Amino acid sequence: MRLIDPAVRSSRSLAAELLDPEFVEVGASGRRWTYEAMLAALPEMAGATELGPRYEPSAMTGVVLAPGLVHLTYETVIDGRRARRSSLWRRAEDGTGWRMYYHQATPVPEGVADPS
């Protein structure tokens, strides 16, 4: 939830605390993002300002895959666009917390029913 907070999205240092140094994302656009590319672009992306559109998450579920590894799935809506999201979070080696290791977003076409 912190990664969709505009205060975190607009701050490289706060976002860096939540992304694993080996982070990779396949975005809803199909673009592949690395840790450095995401940290550089995040402040300019949707959801990074208090006054702009904000991500609305729903249907969030998580499954522990192994000690220190969790698979999270959910949907978001931002500015009328829905996406299904899947991310892997792993505990930092130094035990300081959880960091997103992998993320994928898939756009949901208009007219596709809500999962609930």
C-alpha atoms as a PDB file:
ATOM      1  CA  MET A   1       0.000   0.000   0.000  1.00  0.00           C
ATOM      2  CA  ARG A   2       2.898   2.366   0.633  1.00  0.00           C
ATOM      3  CA  LEU A   3       4.035   2.135  -3.001  1.00  0.00           C
ATOM      4  CA  ILE A   4       0.745   3.637  -4.208  1.00  0.00           C
ATOM      5  CA  ASP A   5       0.989   6.546  -1.737  1.00  0.00           C
ATOM      6  CA  PRO A   6       1.845   9.763  -3.650  1.00  0.00           C
ATOM      7  CA  ALA A   7       4.316  10.794  -0.926  1.00  0.00           C
ATOM      8  CA  VAL A   8       6.278   7.573  -1.489  1.00  0.00           C
ATOM      9  CA  ARG A   9       5.963   7.604  -5.289  1.00  0.00           C
ATOM     10  CA  SER A  10       7.364  11.138  -5.437  1.00  0.00           C
ATOM     11  CA  SER A  11      10.342  10.350  -3.169  1.00  0.00           C
ATOM     12  CA  ARG A  12      13.255   8.334  -4.545  1.00  0.00           C
ATOM     13  CA  SER A  13      14.542   7.582  -1.038  1.00  0.00           C
ATOM     14  CA  LEU A  14      11.178   6.333   0.283  1.00  0.00           C
ATOM     15  CA  ALA A  15      10.500   4.241  -2.840  1.00  0.00           C
ATOM     16  CA  ALA A  16      14.033   2.786  -2.678  1.00  0.00           C
ATOM     17  CA  GLU A  17      13.230   1.388   0.769  1.00  0.00           C
ATOM     18  CA  LEU A  18      10.403  -0.665  -0.763  1.00  0.00           C
ATOM     19  CA  LEU A  19      12.026  -1.908  -3.978  1.00  0.00           C
ATOM     20  CA  ASP A  20      14.506  -4.754  -3.937  1.00  0.00           C
ATOM     21  CA  PRO A  21      17.856  -3.850  -5.583  1.00  0.00           C
ATOM     22  CA  GLU A  22      17.143  -6.686  -8.077  1.00  0.00           C
ATOM     23  CA  PHE A  23      13.617  -5.358  -8.795  1.00  0.00           C
ATOM     24  CA  VAL A  24      12.082  -5.968 -12.237  1.00  0.00           C
ATOM     25  CA  GLU A  25       8.640  -4.983 -13.473  1.00  0.00           C
ATOM     26  CA  VAL A  26       6.639  -5.697 -16.582  1.00  0.00           C
ATOM     27  CA  GLY A  27       4.241  -2.772 -16.609  1.00  0.00           C
ATOM     28  CA  ALA A  28       0.706  -2.563 -17.987  1.00  0.00           C
ATOM     29  CA  SER A  29       2.268  -0.851 -21.008  1.00  0.00           C
ATOM     30  CA  GLY A  30       4.436  -3.917 -21.651  1.00  0.00           C
ATOM     31  CA  ARG A  31       7.579  -1.992 -20.760  1.00  0.00           C
ATOM     32  CA  ARG A  32      10.252  -3.771 -18.692  1.00  0.00           C
ATOM     33  CA  TRP A  33      11.475  -1.714 -15.747  1.00  0.00           C
ATOM     34  CA  THR A  34      14.609  -2.150 -13.636  1.00  0.00           C
ATOM     35  CA  TYR A  35      15.262  -0.828 -10.145  1.00  0.00           C
ATOM     36  CA  GLU A  36      17.123   2.278 -11.335  1.00  0.00           C
ATOM     37  CA  ALA A  37      14.711   3.014 -14.196  1.00  0.00           C
ATOM     38  CA  MET A  38      11.693   2.741 -11.881  1.00  0.00           C
ATOM     39  CA  LEU A  39      13.192   4.964  -9.185  1.00  0.00           C
ATOM     40  CA  ALA A  40      14.024   7.597 -11.812  1.00  0.00           C
ATOM     41  CA  ALA A  41      10.569   7.519 -13.445  1.00  0.00           C
ATOM     42  CA  LEU A  42       8.271   6.978 -10.452  1.00  0.00           C
ATOM     43  CA  PRO A  43       7.946  10.665  -9.436  1.00  0.00           C
ATOM     44  CA  GLU A  44       6.607  11.482 -12.926  1.00  0.00           C
ATOM     45  CA  MET A  45       4.226   8.511 -13.174  1.00  0.00           C
ATOM     46  CA  ALA A  46       0.498   8.448 -12.488  1.00  0.00           C
ATOM     47  CA  GLY A  47      -0.392   8.506  -8.818  1.00  0.00           C
ATOM     48  CA  ALA A  48       2.668  10.515  -7.740  1.00  0.00           C
ATOM     49  CA  THR A  49       0.858  13.716  -6.772  1.00  0.00           C
ATOM     50  CA  GLU A  50      -1.776  14.419  -4.141  1.00  0.00           C
ATOM     51  CA  LEU A  51      -3.862  16.409  -6.640  1.00  0.00           C
ATOM     52  CA  GLY A  52      -3.716  13.978  -9.567  1.00  0.00           C
ATOM     53  CA  PRO A  53      -5.388  10.614 -10.083  1.00  0.00           C
ATOM     54  CA  ARG A  54      -4.766   8.049  -7.352  1.00  0.00           C
ATOM     55  CA  TYR A  55      -4.565   4.284  -7.448  1.00  0.00           C
ATOM     56  CA  GLU A  56      -7.601   2.533  -5.949  1.00  0.00           C
ATOM     57  CA  PRO A  57      -6.644  -1.034  -4.960  1.00  0.00           C
ATOM     58  CA  SER A  58      -9.122  -3.899  -4.452  1.00  0.00           C
ATOM     59  CA  ALA A  59      -9.340  -7.669  -4.079  1.00  0.00           C
ATOM     60  CA  MET A  60      -5.894  -7.896  -2.473  1.00  0.00           C
ATOM     61  CA  THR A  61      -4.729 -11.360  -1.458  1.00  0.00           C
ATOM     62  CA  GLY A  62      -1.367 -12.776  -0.481  1.00  0.00           C
ATOM     63  CA  VAL A  63       0.180 -16.229  -0.285  1.00  0.00           C
ATOM     64  CA  VAL A  64       3.413 -17.188   1.462  1.00  0.00           C
ATOM     65  CA  LEU A  65       5.416 -19.126  -1.139  1.00  0.00           C
ATOM     66  CA  ALA A  66       8.434 -19.791   1.079  1.00  0.00           C
ATOM     67  CA  PRO A  67       9.976 -18.259   4.189  1.00  0.00           C
ATOM     68  CA  GLY A  68      10.682 -14.638   3.310  1.00  0.00           C
ATOM     69  CA  LEU A  69       8.754 -14.711  -0.014  1.00  0.00           C
ATOM     70  CA  VAL A  70       5.137 -13.584  -0.519  1.00  0.00           C
ATOM     71  CA  HIS A  71       3.049 -13.456  -3.707  1.00  0.00           C
ATOM     72  CA  LEU A  72       0.534 -10.589  -3.677  1.00  0.00           C
ATOM     73  CA  THR A  73      -2.293 -10.186  -6.207  1.00  0.00           C
ATOM     74  CA  TYR A  74      -4.798  -7.352  -6.521  1.00  0.00           C
ATOM     75  CA  GLU A  75      -6.518  -4.999  -8.938  1.00  0.00           C
ATOM     76  CA  THR A  76      -6.185  -1.262  -9.308  1.00  0.00           C
ATOM     77  CA  VAL A  77      -8.153   1.477 -10.969  1.00  0.00           C
ATOM     78  CA  ILE A  78      -6.532   4.789 -11.816  1.00  0.00           C
ATOM     79  CA  ASP A  79      -8.099   7.434 -13.979  1.00  0.00           C
ATOM     80  CA  GLY A  80     -10.722   4.904 -15.129  1.00  0.00           C
ATOM     81  CA  ARG A  81      -8.178   2.242 -16.183  1.00  0.00           C
ATOM     82  CA  ARG A  82      -8.193  -1.170 -14.484  1.00  0.00           C
ATOM     83  CA  ALA A  83      -5.210  -3.472 -14.159  1.00  0.00           C
ATOM     84  CA  ARG A  84      -4.640  -6.843 -12.550  1.00  0.00           C
ATOM     85  CA  ARG A  85      -1.409  -6.877 -10.590  1.00  0.00           C
ATOM     86  CA  SER A  86       0.902  -9.561  -9.277  1.00  0.00           C
ATOM     87  CA  SER A  87       4.018  -8.963  -7.212  1.00  0.00           C
ATOM     88  CA  LEU A  88       6.608 -10.945  -5.335  1.00  0.00           C
ATOM     89  CA  TRP A  89       7.863  -9.491  -2.084  1.00  0.00           C
ATOM     90  CA  ARG A  90      10.911 -10.801  -0.307  1.00  0.00           C
ATOM     91  CA  ARG A  91      12.295 -10.004   3.095  1.00  0.00           C
ATOM     92  CA  ALA A  92      15.471  -7.939   2.964  1.00  0.00           C
ATOM     93  CA  GLU A  93      18.592  -9.931   3.778  1.00  0.00           C
ATOM     94  CA  ASP A  94      19.369  -7.620   6.686  1.00  0.00           C
ATOM     95  CA  GLY A  95      15.860  -8.204   8.095  1.00  0.00           C
ATOM     96  CA  THR A  96      14.855  -4.541   7.772  1.00  0.00           C
ATOM     97  CA  GLY A  97      11.559  -5.273   6.027  1.00  0.00           C
ATOM     98  CA  TRP A  98       9.849  -6.395   2.868  1.00  0.00           C
ATOM     99  CA  ARG A  99      10.809  -5.230  -0.609  1.00  0.00           C
ATOM    100  CA  MET A 100       9.112  -5.745  -3.947  1.00  0.00           C
ATOM    101  CA  TYR A 101      11.267  -8.068  -6.044  1.00  0.00           C
ATOM    102  CA  TYR A 102       9.024  -8.504  -9.095  1.00  0.00           C
ATOM    103  CA  HIS A 103       5.826  -6.854 -10.327  1.00  0.00           C
ATOM    104  CA  GLN A 104       3.575  -7.373 -13.321  1.00  0.00           C
ATOM    105  CA  ALA A 105       0.528  -5.360 -14.329  1.00  0.00           C
ATOM    106  CA  THR A 106      -1.945  -6.524 -16.955  1.00  0.00           C
ATOM    107  CA  PRO A 107      -4.553  -4.096 -18.306  1.00  0.00           C
ATOM    108  CA  VAL A 108      -8.172  -5.211 -18.001  1.00  0.00           C
ATOM    109  CA  PRO A 109     -10.128  -4.478 -21.179  1.00  0.00           C
ATOM    110  CA  GLU A 110     -13.281  -2.379 -20.862  1.00  0.00           C
ATOM    111  CA  GLY A 111     -16.364  -4.502 -20.324  1.00  0.00           C
ATOM    112  CA  VAL A 112     -14.596  -7.306 -18.450  1.00  0.00           C
ATOM    113  CA  ALA A 113     -16.503  -8.029 -15.231  1.00  0.00           C
ATOM    114  CA  ASP A 114     -15.167  -7.006 -11.837  1.00  0.00           C
ATOM    115  CA  PRO A 115     -13.729 -10.028  -9.937  1.00  0.00           C
ATOM    116  CA  SER A 116     -16.088  -9.662  -6.966  1.00  0.00           C
END
